Amino acid sequence: MDQVFITDLLARGVIGVNEWERQVTQDILINIVLFTDLQRAGGTDDLAHSVDYRNVAKQAIALAEGAKRFTVEALASDLAQMCLEHAGVKKVRIRVEKPGAVRFARAVGVEIERSKDE
């Protein structure tokens, strides 16, 4: 299956379980892989037959910045659901990271895969 991807999308939002994390915005790094069929889009050179990654990125940022989730797991799940609502997207892989959340680590986070069949 073909893939449309968005790499290292940066959002700033409230995420975390600690009291101080509920008071400030933090960097949230998002990676998205959308599994779809791009054969028609490649043949017609028409965006209408593809997935508009610019629109997906805007929606992902808005969701991440407004969700105020406690866990990266919940945010990843929200993002997956949003992506699966786009026409033609059959499956999605979402990676959500919190840079600097753990001392001596660049980032911590989760990666999930969801499909329309689930």
PDB file of N, CA and C in Angstrom:
ATOM      1  N   MET A   1       0.848  -1.176   0.000  1.00  0.00           N
ATOM      2  CA  MET A   1       0.000   0.000   0.000  1.00  0.00           C
ATOM      3  C   MET A   1       0.898   1.245   0.000  1.00  0.00           C
ATOM      4  N   ASP A   2       0.457   2.263  -0.685  1.00  0.00           N
ATOM      5  CA  ASP A   2       1.208   3.511  -0.776  1.00  0.00           C
ATOM      6  C   ASP A   2       1.101   4.291   0.534  1.00  0.00           C
ATOM      7  N   GLN A   3       2.023   5.230   0.708  1.00  0.00           N
ATOM      8  CA  GLN A   3       2.074   5.992   1.948  1.00  0.00           C
ATOM      9  C   GLN A   3       2.259   7.478   1.679  1.00  0.00           C
ATOM     10  N   VAL A   4       1.524   8.275   2.417  1.00  0.00           N
ATOM     11  CA  VAL A   4       1.733   9.721   2.481  1.00  0.00           C
ATOM     12  C   VAL A   4       2.223   9.977   3.891  1.00  0.00           C
ATOM     13  N   PHE A   5       3.326  10.715   4.049  1.00  0.00           N
ATOM     14  CA  PHE A   5       3.855  10.899   5.389  1.00  0.00           C
ATOM     15  C   PHE A   5       4.112  12.355   5.729  1.00  0.00           C
ATOM     16  N   ILE A   6       4.000  12.637   7.012  1.00  0.00           N
ATOM     17  CA  ILE A   6       4.311  13.948   7.590  1.00  0.00           C
ATOM     18  C   ILE A   6       5.317  13.671   8.703  1.00  0.00           C
ATOM     19  N   THR A   7       6.484  14.272   8.600  1.00  0.00           N
ATOM     20  CA  THR A   7       7.572  13.976   9.514  1.00  0.00           C
ATOM     21  C   THR A   7       7.902  15.164  10.410  1.00  0.00           C
ATOM     22  N   ASP A   8       8.016  14.884  11.702  1.00  0.00           N
ATOM     23  CA  ASP A   8       8.455  15.862  12.706  1.00  0.00           C
ATOM     24  C   ASP A   8       7.619  17.141  12.717  1.00  0.00           C
ATOM     25  N   LEU A   9       6.310  16.969  12.733  1.00  0.00           N
ATOM     26  CA  LEU A   9       5.380  18.087  12.839  1.00  0.00           C
ATOM     27  C   LEU A   9       5.382  18.561  14.290  1.00  0.00           C
ATOM     28  N   LEU A  10       5.666  19.827  14.497  1.00  0.00           N
ATOM     29  CA  LEU A  10       5.797  20.366  15.853  1.00  0.00           C
ATOM     30  C   LEU A  10       4.539  21.121  16.254  1.00  0.00           C
ATOM     31  N   ALA A  11       3.973  20.720  17.388  1.00  0.00           N
ATOM     32  CA  ALA A  11       2.838  21.429  17.984  1.00  0.00           C
ATOM     33  C   ALA A  11       3.228  21.797  19.408  1.00  0.00           C
ATOM     34  N   ARG A  12       2.501  22.733  19.996  1.00  0.00           N
ATOM     35  CA  ARG A  12       2.724  23.102  21.397  1.00  0.00           C
ATOM     36  C   ARG A  12       1.385  23.016  22.103  1.00  0.00           C
ATOM     37  N   GLY A  13       1.338  22.146  23.114  1.00  0.00           N
ATOM     38  CA  GLY A  13       0.077  21.954  23.812  1.00  0.00           C
ATOM     39  C   GLY A  13       0.269  21.481  25.232  1.00  0.00           C
ATOM     40  N   VAL A  14      -0.832  21.385  25.943  1.00  0.00           N
ATOM     41  CA  VAL A  14      -0.834  20.869  27.303  1.00  0.00           C
ATOM     42  C   VAL A  14      -0.957  19.362  27.220  1.00  0.00           C
ATOM     43  N   ILE A  15       0.033  18.669  27.790  1.00  0.00           N
ATOM     44  CA  ILE A  15       0.011  17.210  27.812  1.00  0.00           C
ATOM     45  C   ILE A  15       0.845  16.739  29.000  1.00  0.00           C
ATOM     46  N   GLY A  16       0.286  15.828  29.765  1.00  0.00           N
ATOM     47  CA  GLY A  16       1.021  15.289  30.903  1.00  0.00           C
ATOM     48  C   GLY A  16       0.144  15.127  32.118  1.00  0.00           C
ATOM     49  N   VAL A  17       0.638  14.348  33.075  1.00  0.00           N
ATOM     50  CA  VAL A  17      -0.125  14.040  34.282  1.00  0.00           C
ATOM     51  C   VAL A  17       0.305  14.872  35.489  1.00  0.00           C
ATOM     52  N   ASN A  18       1.484  15.445  35.437  1.00  0.00           N
ATOM     53  CA  ASN A  18       1.967  16.249  36.561  1.00  0.00           C
ATOM     54  C   ASN A  18       1.294  17.618  36.573  1.00  0.00           C
ATOM     55  N   GLU A  19       1.123  18.159  37.764  1.00  0.00           N
ATOM     56  CA  GLU A  19       0.440  19.447  37.919  1.00  0.00           C
ATOM     57  C   GLU A  19       1.105  20.540  37.069  1.00  0.00           C
ATOM     58  N   TRP A  20       2.435  20.604  37.097  1.00  0.00           N
ATOM     59  CA  TRP A  20       3.125  21.646  36.326  1.00  0.00           C
ATOM     60  C   TRP A  20       2.899  21.471  34.828  1.00  0.00           C
ATOM     61  N   GLU A  21       2.717  20.217  34.371  1.00  0.00           N
ATOM     62  CA  GLU A  21       2.477  19.970  32.950  1.00  0.00           C
ATOM     63  C   GLU A  21       1.100  20.458  32.511  1.00  0.00           C
ATOM     64  N   ARG A  22       0.184  20.597  33.442  1.00  0.00           N
ATOM     65  CA  ARG A  22      -1.160  21.078  33.133  1.00  0.00           C
ATOM     66  C   ARG A  22      -1.198  22.603  33.058  1.00  0.00           C
ATOM     67  N   GLN A  23      -0.104  23.254  33.489  1.00  0.00           N
ATOM     68  CA  GLN A  23      -0.050  24.718  33.556  1.00  0.00           C
ATOM     69  C   GLN A  23       0.650  25.362  32.360  1.00  0.00           C
ATOM     70  N   VAL A  24       1.472  24.601  31.650  1.00  0.00           N
ATOM     71  CA  VAL A  24       2.286  25.170  30.569  1.00  0.00           C
ATOM     72  C   VAL A  24       2.130  24.357  29.292  1.00  0.00           C
ATOM     73  N   THR A  25       2.414  25.000  28.176  1.00  0.00           N
ATOM     74  CA  THR A  25       2.440  24.251  26.916  1.00  0.00           C
ATOM     75  C   THR A  25       3.820  23.633  26.739  1.00  0.00           C
ATOM     76  N   GLN A  26       3.840  22.485  26.112  1.00  0.00           N
ATOM     77  CA  GLN A  26       5.087  21.775  25.847  1.00  0.00           C
ATOM     78  C   GLN A  26       5.167  21.436  24.363  1.00  0.00           C
ATOM     79  N   ASP A  27       6.391  21.202  23.898  1.00  0.00           N
ATOM     80  CA  ASP A  27       6.564  20.727  22.530  1.00  0.00           C
ATOM     81  C   ASP A  27       6.005  19.312  22.412  1.00  0.00           C
ATOM     82  N   ILE A  28       5.296  19.075  21.328  1.00  0.00           N
ATOM     83  CA  ILE A  28       4.778  17.749  20.990  1.00  0.00           C
ATOM     84  C   ILE A  28       5.190  17.484  19.547  1.00  0.00           C
ATOM     85  N   LEU A  29       5.928  16.426  19.341  1.00  0.00           N
ATOM     86  CA  LEU A  29       6.417  16.081  18.012  1.00  0.00           C
ATOM     87  C   LEU A  29       5.556  14.957  17.451  1.00  0.00           C
ATOM     88  N   ILE A  30       5.035  15.166  16.237  1.00  0.00           N
ATOM     89  CA  ILE A  30       4.081  14.229  15.642  1.00  0.00           C
ATOM     90  C   ILE A  30       4.610  13.742  14.289  1.00  0.00           C
ATOM     91  N   ASN A  31       4.552  12.430  14.107  1.00  0.00           N
ATOM     92  CA  ASN A  31       4.850  11.821  12.817  1.00  0.00           C
ATOM     93  C   ASN A  31       3.638  11.014  12.389  1.00  0.00           C
ATOM     94  N   ILE A  32       3.261  11.185  11.129  1.00  0.00           N
ATOM     95  CA  ILE A  32       2.057  10.551  10.606  1.00  0.00           C
ATOM     96  C   ILE A  32       2.397   9.827   9.308  1.00  0.00           C
ATOM     97  N   VAL A  33       1.939   8.582   9.195  1.00  0.00           N
ATOM     98  CA  VAL A  33       2.011   7.847   7.931  1.00  0.00           C
ATOM     99  C   VAL A  33       0.582   7.436   7.588  1.00  0.00           C
ATOM    100  N   LEU A  34       0.126   7.884   6.434  1.00  0.00           N
ATOM    101  CA  LEU A  34      -1.220   7.576   5.950  1.00  0.00           C
ATOM    102  C   LEU A  34      -1.098   6.527   4.851  1.00  0.00           C
ATOM    103  N   PHE A  35      -1.737   5.397   5.041  1.00  0.00           N
ATOM    104  CA  PHE A  35      -1.702   4.326   4.049  1.00  0.00           C
ATOM    105  C   PHE A  35      -2.924   4.477   3.141  1.00  0.00           C
ATOM    106  N   THR A  36      -2.655   4.576   1.847  1.00  0.00           N
ATOM    107  CA  THR A  36      -3.707   4.840   0.874  1.00  0.00           C
ATOM    108  C   THR A  36      -3.281   4.311  -0.495  1.00  0.00           C
ATOM    109  N   ASP A  37      -4.132   4.435  -1.469  1.00  0.00           N
ATOM    110  CA  ASP A  37      -3.817   4.050  -2.846  1.00  0.00           C
ATOM    111  C   ASP A  37      -3.571   5.330  -3.643  1.00  0.00           C
ATOM    112  N   LEU A  38      -2.344   5.506  -4.097  1.00  0.00           N
ATOM    113  CA  LEU A  38      -1.972   6.725  -4.824  1.00  0.00           C
ATOM    114  C   LEU A  38      -1.871   6.518  -6.330  1.00  0.00           C
ATOM    115  N   GLN A  39      -2.297   5.371  -6.812  1.00  0.00           N
ATOM    116  CA  GLN A  39      -2.175   5.069  -8.240  1.00  0.00           C
ATOM    117  C   GLN A  39      -2.947   6.067  -9.097  1.00  0.00           C
ATOM    118  N   ARG A  40      -4.173   6.343  -8.740  1.00  0.00           N
ATOM    119  CA  ARG A  40      -4.990   7.276  -9.525  1.00  0.00           C
ATOM    120  C   ARG A  40      -4.405   8.693  -9.472  1.00  0.00           C
ATOM    121  N   ALA A  41      -3.974   9.115  -8.290  1.00  0.00           N
ATOM    122  CA  ALA A  41      -3.377  10.451  -8.150  1.00  0.00           C
ATOM    123  C   ALA A  41      -2.112  10.573  -8.997  1.00  0.00           C
ATOM    124  N   GLY A  42      -1.326   9.508  -9.015  1.00  0.00           N
ATOM    125  CA  GLY A  42      -0.113   9.517  -9.837  1.00  0.00           C
ATOM    126  C   GLY A  42      -0.412   9.572 -11.321  1.00  0.00           C
ATOM    127  N   GLY A  43      -1.476   8.929 -11.725  1.00  0.00           N
ATOM    128  CA  GLY A  43      -1.853   8.907 -13.141  1.00  0.00           C
ATOM    129  C   GLY A  43      -2.518  10.181 -13.610  1.00  0.00           C
ATOM    130  N   THR A  44      -3.284  10.828 -12.730  1.00  0.00           N
ATOM    131  CA  THR A  44      -4.038  12.024 -13.131  1.00  0.00           C
ATOM    132  C   THR A  44      -3.344  13.329 -12.758  1.00  0.00           C
ATOM    133  N   ASP A  45      -2.365  13.259 -11.831  1.00  0.00           N
ATOM    134  CA  ASP A  45      -1.686  14.455 -11.334  1.00  0.00           C
ATOM    135  C   ASP A  45      -2.683  15.428 -10.697  1.00  0.00           C
ATOM    136  N   ASP A  46      -3.687  14.850 -10.008  1.00  0.00           N
ATOM    137  CA  ASP A  46      -4.771  15.633  -9.422  1.00  0.00           C
ATOM    138  C   ASP A  46      -4.838  15.361  -7.921  1.00  0.00           C
ATOM    139  N   LEU A  47      -4.681  16.406  -7.128  1.00  0.00           N
ATOM    140  CA  LEU A  47      -4.703  16.287  -5.672  1.00  0.00           C
ATOM    141  C   LEU A  47      -6.019  15.712  -5.161  1.00  0.00           C
ATOM    142  N   ALA A  48      -7.087  15.887  -5.898  1.00  0.00           N
ATOM    143  CA  ALA A  48      -8.395  15.361  -5.489  1.00  0.00           C
ATOM    144  C   ALA A  48      -8.372  13.834  -5.351  1.00  0.00           C
ATOM    145  N   HIS A  49      -7.402  13.183  -5.979  1.00  0.00           N
ATOM    146  CA  HIS A  49      -7.295  11.726  -5.925  1.00  0.00           C
ATOM    147  C   HIS A  49      -6.230  11.275  -4.924  1.00  0.00           C
ATOM    148  N   SER A  50      -5.782  12.177  -4.095  1.00  0.00           N
ATOM    149  CA  SER A  50      -4.771  11.868  -3.094  1.00  0.00           C
ATOM    150  C   SER A  50      -5.277  12.298  -1.720  1.00  0.00           C
ATOM    151  N   VAL A  51      -4.384  12.318  -0.755  1.00  0.00           N
ATOM    152  CA  VAL A  51      -4.689  12.826   0.584  1.00  0.00           C
ATOM    153  C   VAL A  51      -3.952  14.154   0.726  1.00  0.00           C
ATOM    154  N   ASP A  52      -4.674  15.182   1.073  1.00  0.00           N
ATOM    155  CA  ASP A  52      -4.106  16.523   1.206  1.00  0.00           C
ATOM    156  C   ASP A  52      -3.323  16.617   2.512  1.00  0.00           C
ATOM    157  N   TYR A  53      -2.002  16.387   2.440  1.00  0.00           N
ATOM    158  CA  TYR A  53      -1.193  16.351   3.653  1.00  0.00           C
ATOM    159  C   TYR A  53      -1.117  17.703   4.348  1.00  0.00           C
ATOM    160  N   ARG A  54      -1.290  18.774   3.610  1.00  0.00           N
ATOM    161  CA  ARG A  54      -1.300  20.097   4.234  1.00  0.00           C
ATOM    162  C   ARG A  54      -2.511  20.234   5.163  1.00  0.00           C
ATOM    163  N   ASN A  55      -3.657  19.786   4.705  1.00  0.00           N
ATOM    164  CA  ASN A  55      -4.872  19.816   5.507  1.00  0.00           C
ATOM    165  C   ASN A  55      -4.743  18.899   6.729  1.00  0.00           C
ATOM    166  N   VAL A  56      -4.188  17.703   6.526  1.00  0.00           N
ATOM    167  CA  VAL A  56      -3.986  16.767   7.639  1.00  0.00           C
ATOM    168  C   VAL A  56      -3.060  17.392   8.683  1.00  0.00           C
ATOM    169  N   ALA A  57      -1.982  18.032   8.248  1.00  0.00           N
ATOM    170  CA  ALA A  57      -1.035  18.656   9.176  1.00  0.00           C
ATOM    171  C   ALA A  57      -1.696  19.767   9.979  1.00  0.00           C
ATOM    172  N   LYS A  58      -2.479  20.609   9.314  1.00  0.00           N
ATOM    173  CA  LYS A  58      -3.186  21.687  10.021  1.00  0.00           C
ATOM    174  C   LYS A  58      -4.138  21.123  11.071  1.00  0.00           C
ATOM    175  N   GLN A  59      -4.876  20.088  10.711  1.00  0.00           N
ATOM    176  CA  GLN A  59      -5.808  19.469  11.651  1.00  0.00           C
ATOM    177  C   GLN A  59      -5.077  18.830  12.823  1.00  0.00           C
ATOM    178  N   ALA A  60      -3.944  18.193  12.541  1.00  0.00           N
ATOM    179  CA  ALA A  60      -3.169  17.540  13.597  1.00  0.00           C
ATOM    180  C   ALA A  60      -2.636  18.565  14.599  1.00  0.00           C
ATOM    181  N   ILE A  61      -2.135  19.687  14.101  1.00  0.00           N
ATOM    182  CA  ILE A  61      -1.639  20.731  14.992  1.00  0.00           C
ATOM    183  C   ILE A  61      -2.777  21.280  15.849  1.00  0.00           C
ATOM    184  N   ALA A  62      -3.898  21.582  15.228  1.00  0.00           N
ATOM    185  CA  ALA A  62      -5.044  22.120  15.964  1.00  0.00           C
ATOM    186  C   ALA A  62      -5.511  21.138  17.036  1.00  0.00           C
ATOM    187  N   LEU A  63      -5.571  19.859  16.690  1.00  0.00           N
ATOM    188  CA  LEU A  63      -6.007  18.853  17.647  1.00  0.00           C
ATOM    189  C   LEU A  63      -5.016  18.753  18.807  1.00  0.00           C
ATOM    190  N   ALA A  64      -3.730  18.657  18.503  1.00  0.00           N
ATOM    191  CA  ALA A  64      -2.704  18.513  19.542  1.00  0.00           C
ATOM    192  C   ALA A  64      -2.651  19.733  20.460  1.00  0.00           C
ATOM    193  N   GLU A  65      -2.856  20.897  19.899  1.00  0.00           N
ATOM    194  CA  GLU A  65      -2.764  22.118  20.704  1.00  0.00           C
ATOM    195  C   GLU A  65      -4.025  22.367  21.520  1.00  0.00           C
ATOM    196  N   GLY A  66      -5.138  21.743  21.163  1.00  0.00           N
ATOM    197  CA  GLY A  66      -6.375  21.975  21.887  1.00  0.00           C
ATOM    198  C   GLY A  66      -6.854  20.820  22.754  1.00  0.00           C
ATOM    199  N   ALA A  67      -6.247  19.640  22.612  1.00  0.00           N
ATOM    200  CA  ALA A  67      -6.762  18.435  23.269  1.00  0.00           C
ATOM    201  C   ALA A  67      -6.559  18.417  24.786  1.00  0.00           C
ATOM    202  N   LYS A  68      -5.446  18.926  25.259  1.00  0.00           N
ATOM    203  CA  LYS A  68      -5.108  18.922  26.697  1.00  0.00           C
ATOM    204  C   LYS A  68      -5.230  17.527  27.295  1.00  0.00           C
ATOM    205  N   ARG A  69      -4.615  16.569  26.624  1.00  0.00           N
ATOM    206  CA  ARG A  69      -4.648  15.181  27.071  1.00  0.00           C
ATOM    207  C   ARG A  69      -3.632  14.943  28.188  1.00  0.00           C
ATOM    208  N   PHE A  70      -3.892  13.931  28.995  1.00  0.00           N
ATOM    209  CA  PHE A  70      -2.969  13.537  30.055  1.00  0.00           C
ATOM    210  C   PHE A  70      -1.856  12.650  29.508  1.00  0.00           C
ATOM    211  N   THR A  71      -2.164  11.825  28.503  1.00  0.00           N
ATOM    212  CA  THR A  71      -1.184  10.863  27.995  1.00  0.00           C
ATOM    213  C   THR A  71      -0.956  11.035  26.492  1.00  0.00           C
ATOM    214  N   VAL A  72       0.263  10.677  26.090  1.00  0.00           N
ATOM    215  CA  VAL A  72       0.566  10.675  24.655  1.00  0.00           C
ATOM    216  C   VAL A  72      -0.224   9.563  23.962  1.00  0.00           C
ATOM    217  N   GLU A  73      -0.562   8.507  24.699  1.00  0.00           N
ATOM    218  CA  GLU A  73      -1.359   7.419  24.138  1.00  0.00           C
ATOM    219  C   GLU A  73      -2.731   7.926  23.686  1.00  0.00           C
ATOM    220  N   ALA A  74      -3.357   8.736  24.538  1.00  0.00           N
ATOM    221  CA  ALA A  74      -4.679   9.278  24.193  1.00  0.00           C
ATOM    222  C   ALA A  74      -4.589  10.240  23.018  1.00  0.00           C
ATOM    223  N   LEU A  75      -3.565  11.079  23.006  1.00  0.00           N
ATOM    224  CA  LEU A  75      -3.400  12.021  21.893  1.00  0.00           C
ATOM    225  C   LEU A  75      -3.145  11.266  20.592  1.00  0.00           C
ATOM    226  N   ALA A  76      -2.309  10.246  20.634  1.00  0.00           N
ATOM    227  CA  ALA A  76      -2.041   9.444  19.434  1.00  0.00           C
ATOM    228  C   ALA A  76      -3.333   8.813  18.918  1.00  0.00           C
ATOM    229  N   SER A  77      -4.146   8.322  19.821  1.00  0.00           N
ATOM    230  CA  SER A  77      -5.423   7.719  19.440  1.00  0.00           C
ATOM    231  C   SER A  77      -6.353   8.750  18.797  1.00  0.00           C
ATOM    232  N   ASP A  78      -6.412   9.946  19.366  1.00  0.00           N
ATOM    233  CA  ASP A  78      -7.212  11.031  18.785  1.00  0.00           C
ATOM    234  C   ASP A  78      -6.740  11.359  17.370  1.00  0.00           C
ATOM    235  N   LEU A  79      -5.430  11.454  17.200  1.00  0.00           N
ATOM    236  CA  LEU A  79      -4.862  11.789  15.889  1.00  0.00           C
ATOM    237  C   LEU A  79      -5.151  10.695  14.869  1.00  0.00           C
ATOM    238  N   ALA A  80      -5.048   9.442  15.300  1.00  0.00           N
ATOM    239  CA  ALA A  80      -5.338   8.328  14.388  1.00  0.00           C
ATOM    240  C   ALA A  80      -6.786   8.391  13.915  1.00  0.00           C
ATOM    241  N   GLN A  81      -7.698   8.615  14.837  1.00  0.00           N
ATOM    242  CA  GLN A  81      -9.117   8.711  14.485  1.00  0.00           C
ATOM    243  C   GLN A  81      -9.354   9.840  13.484  1.00  0.00           C
ATOM    244  N   MET A  82      -8.730  10.989  13.723  1.00  0.00           N
ATOM    245  CA  MET A  82      -8.874  12.136  12.822  1.00  0.00           C
ATOM    246  C   MET A  82      -8.366  11.787  11.421  1.00  0.00           C
ATOM    247  N   CYS A  83      -7.224  11.128  11.349  1.00  0.00           N
ATOM    248  CA  CYS A  83      -6.650  10.775  10.047  1.00  0.00           C
ATOM    249  C   CYS A  83      -7.518   9.773   9.289  1.00  0.00           C
ATOM    250  N   LEU A  84      -8.099   8.820  10.007  1.00  0.00           N
ATOM    251  CA  LEU A  84      -8.926   7.806   9.361  1.00  0.00           C
ATOM    252  C   LEU A  84     -10.230   8.366   8.810  1.00  0.00           C
ATOM    253  N   GLU A  85     -10.588   9.574   9.203  1.00  0.00           N
ATOM    254  CA  GLU A  85     -11.787  10.219   8.674  1.00  0.00           C
ATOM    255  C   GLU A  85     -11.564  10.808   7.284  1.00  0.00           C
ATOM    256  N   HIS A  86     -10.311  10.893   6.844  1.00  0.00           N
ATOM    257  CA  HIS A  86     -10.013  11.424   5.505  1.00  0.00           C
ATOM    258  C   HIS A  86     -10.283  10.356   4.452  1.00  0.00           C
ATOM    259  N   ALA A  87     -10.912  10.773   3.390  1.00  0.00           N
ATOM    260  CA  ALA A  87     -11.254   9.865   2.296  1.00  0.00           C
ATOM    261  C   ALA A  87     -10.000   9.188   1.751  1.00  0.00           C
ATOM    262  N   GLY A  88     -10.088   7.891   1.544  1.00  0.00           N
ATOM    263  CA  GLY A  88      -8.998   7.144   0.945  1.00  0.00           C
ATOM    264  C   GLY A  88      -7.979   6.610   1.931  1.00  0.00           C
ATOM    265  N   VAL A  89      -7.968   7.097   3.163  1.00  0.00           N
ATOM    266  CA  VAL A  89      -7.012   6.611   4.158  1.00  0.00           C
ATOM    267  C   VAL A  89      -7.538   5.298   4.725  1.00  0.00           C
ATOM    268  N   LYS A  90      -6.761   4.230   4.511  1.00  0.00           N
ATOM    269  CA  LYS A  90      -7.184   2.901   4.955  1.00  0.00           C
ATOM    270  C   LYS A  90      -6.565   2.517   6.295  1.00  0.00           C
ATOM    271  N   LYS A  91      -5.379   3.064   6.552  1.00  0.00           N
ATOM    272  CA  LYS A  91      -4.635   2.737   7.755  1.00  0.00           C
ATOM    273  C   LYS A  91      -3.744   3.924   8.077  1.00  0.00           C
ATOM    274  N   VAL A  92      -3.373   4.053   9.362  1.00  0.00           N
ATOM    275  CA  VAL A  92      -2.519   5.161   9.768  1.00  0.00           C
ATOM    276  C   VAL A  92      -1.532   4.686  10.827  1.00  0.00           C
ATOM    277  N   ARG A  93      -0.335   5.240  10.769  1.00  0.00           N
ATOM    278  CA  ARG A  93       0.662   5.035  11.822  1.00  0.00           C
ATOM    279  C   ARG A  93       0.948   6.411  12.410  1.00  0.00           C
ATOM    280  N   ILE A  94       0.810   6.517  13.721  1.00  0.00           N
ATOM    281  CA  ILE A  94       1.022   7.787  14.417  1.00  0.00           C
ATOM    282  C   ILE A  94       2.119   7.601  15.448  1.00  0.00           C
ATOM    283  N   ARG A  95       3.029   8.546  15.480  1.00  0.00           N
ATOM    284  CA  ARG A  95       4.079   8.583  16.508  1.00  0.00           C
ATOM    285  C   ARG A  95       3.987   9.936  17.190  1.00  0.00           C
ATOM    286  N   VAL A  96       3.807   9.931  18.503  1.00  0.00           N
ATOM    287  CA  VAL A  96       3.734  11.160  19.280  1.00  0.00           C
ATOM    288  C   VAL A  96       4.872  11.134  20.292  1.00  0.00           C
ATOM    289  N   GLU A  97       5.657  12.203  20.318  1.00  0.00           N
ATOM    290  CA  GLU A  97       6.801  12.285  21.221  1.00  0.00           C
ATOM    291  C   GLU A  97       6.755  13.559  22.050  1.00  0.00           C
ATOM    292  N   LYS A  98       7.278  13.452  23.269  1.00  0.00           N
ATOM    293  CA  LYS A  98       7.480  14.612  24.137  1.00  0.00           C
ATOM    294  C   LYS A  98       8.990  14.813  24.285  1.00  0.00           C
ATOM    295  N   PRO A  99       9.556  15.738  23.528  1.00  0.00           N
ATOM    296  CA  PRO A  99      10.993  15.990  23.631  1.00  0.00           C
ATOM    297  C   PRO A  99      11.368  16.477  25.033  1.00  0.00           C
ATOM    298  N   GLY A 100      12.461  15.927  25.558  1.00  0.00           N
ATOM    299  CA  GLY A 100      12.978  16.374  26.841  1.00  0.00           C
ATOM    300  C   GLY A 100      12.177  15.954  28.054  1.00  0.00           C
ATOM    301  N   ALA A 101      11.221  15.052  27.906  1.00  0.00           N
ATOM    302  CA  ALA A 101      10.374  14.645  29.029  1.00  0.00           C
ATOM    303  C   ALA A 101      11.129  13.804  30.050  1.00  0.00           C
ATOM    304  N   VAL A 102      12.139  13.096  29.589  1.00  0.00           N
ATOM    305  CA  VAL A 102      12.944  12.260  30.475  1.00  0.00           C
ATOM    306  C   VAL A 102      14.398  12.700  30.365  1.00  0.00           C
ATOM    307  N   ARG A 103      15.014  12.881  31.509  1.00  0.00           N
ATOM    308  CA  ARG A 103      16.407  13.320  31.553  1.00  0.00           C
ATOM    309  C   ARG A 103      17.295  12.345  30.794  1.00  0.00           C
ATOM    310  N   PHE A 104      18.209  12.879  30.007  1.00  0.00           N
ATOM    311  CA  PHE A 104      19.186  12.143  29.212  1.00  0.00           C
ATOM    312  C   PHE A 104      18.577  11.448  27.995  1.00  0.00           C
ATOM    313  N   ALA A 105      17.306  11.708  27.695  1.00  0.00           N
ATOM    314  CA  ALA A 105      16.678  11.161  26.489  1.00  0.00           C
ATOM    315  C   ALA A 105      16.232  12.320  25.599  1.00  0.00           C
ATOM    316  N   ARG A 106      16.409  12.182  24.305  1.00  0.00           N
ATOM    317  CA  ARG A 106      15.949  13.214  23.378  1.00  0.00           C
ATOM    318  C   ARG A 106      14.443  13.364  23.461  1.00  0.00           C
ATOM    319  N   ALA A 107      13.747  12.217  23.561  1.00  0.00           N
ATOM    320  CA  ALA A 107      12.283  12.249  23.619  1.00  0.00           C
ATOM    321  C   ALA A 107      11.770  10.912  24.128  1.00  0.00           C
ATOM    322  N   VAL A 108      10.521  10.932  24.565  1.00  0.00           N
ATOM    323  CA  VAL A 108       9.774   9.708  24.878  1.00  0.00           C
ATOM    324  C   VAL A 108       8.445   9.805  24.155  1.00  0.00           C
ATOM    325  N   GLY A 109       7.807   8.668  23.931  1.00  0.00           N
ATOM    326  CA  GLY A 109       6.519   8.725  23.253  1.00  0.00           C
ATOM    327  C   GLY A 109       5.977   7.363  22.920  1.00  0.00           C
ATOM    328  N   VAL A 110       5.010   7.366  22.017  1.00  0.00           N
ATOM    329  CA  VAL A 110       4.363   6.131  21.585  1.00  0.00           C
ATOM    330  C   VAL A 110       4.199   6.141  20.072  1.00  0.00           C
ATOM    331  N   GLU A 111       4.053   4.946  19.527  1.00  0.00           N
ATOM    332  CA  GLU A 111       3.734   4.786  18.109  1.00  0.00           C
ATOM    333  C   GLU A 111       2.616   3.762  18.020  1.00  0.00           C
ATOM    334  N   ILE A 112       1.556   4.126  17.303  1.00  0.00           N
ATOM    335  CA  ILE A 112       0.409   3.231  17.160  1.00  0.00           C
ATOM    336  C   ILE A 112       0.045   3.093  15.687  1.00  0.00           C
ATOM    337  N   GLU A 113      -0.631   2.015  15.370  1.00  0.00           N
ATOM    338  CA  GLU A 113      -1.220   1.812  14.046  1.00  0.00           C
ATOM    339  C   GLU A 113      -2.689   1.497  14.224  1.00  0.00           C
ATOM    340  N   ARG A 114      -3.503   2.125  13.379  1.00  0.00           N
ATOM    341  CA  ARG A 114      -4.932   1.868  13.390  1.00  0.00           C
ATOM    342  C   ARG A 114      -5.417   1.776  11.951  1.00  0.00           C
ATOM    343  N   SER A 115      -6.483   1.005  11.753  1.00  0.00           N
ATOM    344  CA  SER A 115      -7.059   0.910  10.415  1.00  0.00           C
ATOM    345  C   SER A 115      -8.569   1.103  10.503  1.00  0.00           C
ATOM    346  N   LYS A 116      -9.184   1.357   9.368  1.00  0.00           N
ATOM    347  CA  LYS A 116     -10.625   1.565   9.333  1.00  0.00           C
ATOM    348  C   LYS A 116     -11.380   0.317   9.753  1.00  0.00           C
ATOM    349  N   ASP A 117     -10.745  -0.830   9.636  1.00  0.00           N
ATOM    350  CA  ASP A 117     -11.379  -2.104   9.981  1.00  0.00           C
ATOM    351  C   ASP A 117     -11.533  -2.289  11.487  1.00  0.00           C
ATOM    352  N   GLU A 118     -10.747  -1.575  12.283  1.00  0.00           N
ATOM    353  CA  GLU A 118     -10.777  -1.762  13.742  1.00  0.00           C
ATOM    354  C   GLU A 118     -11.918  -1.032  14.392  1.00  0.00           C
TER     355      GLU A 118
END
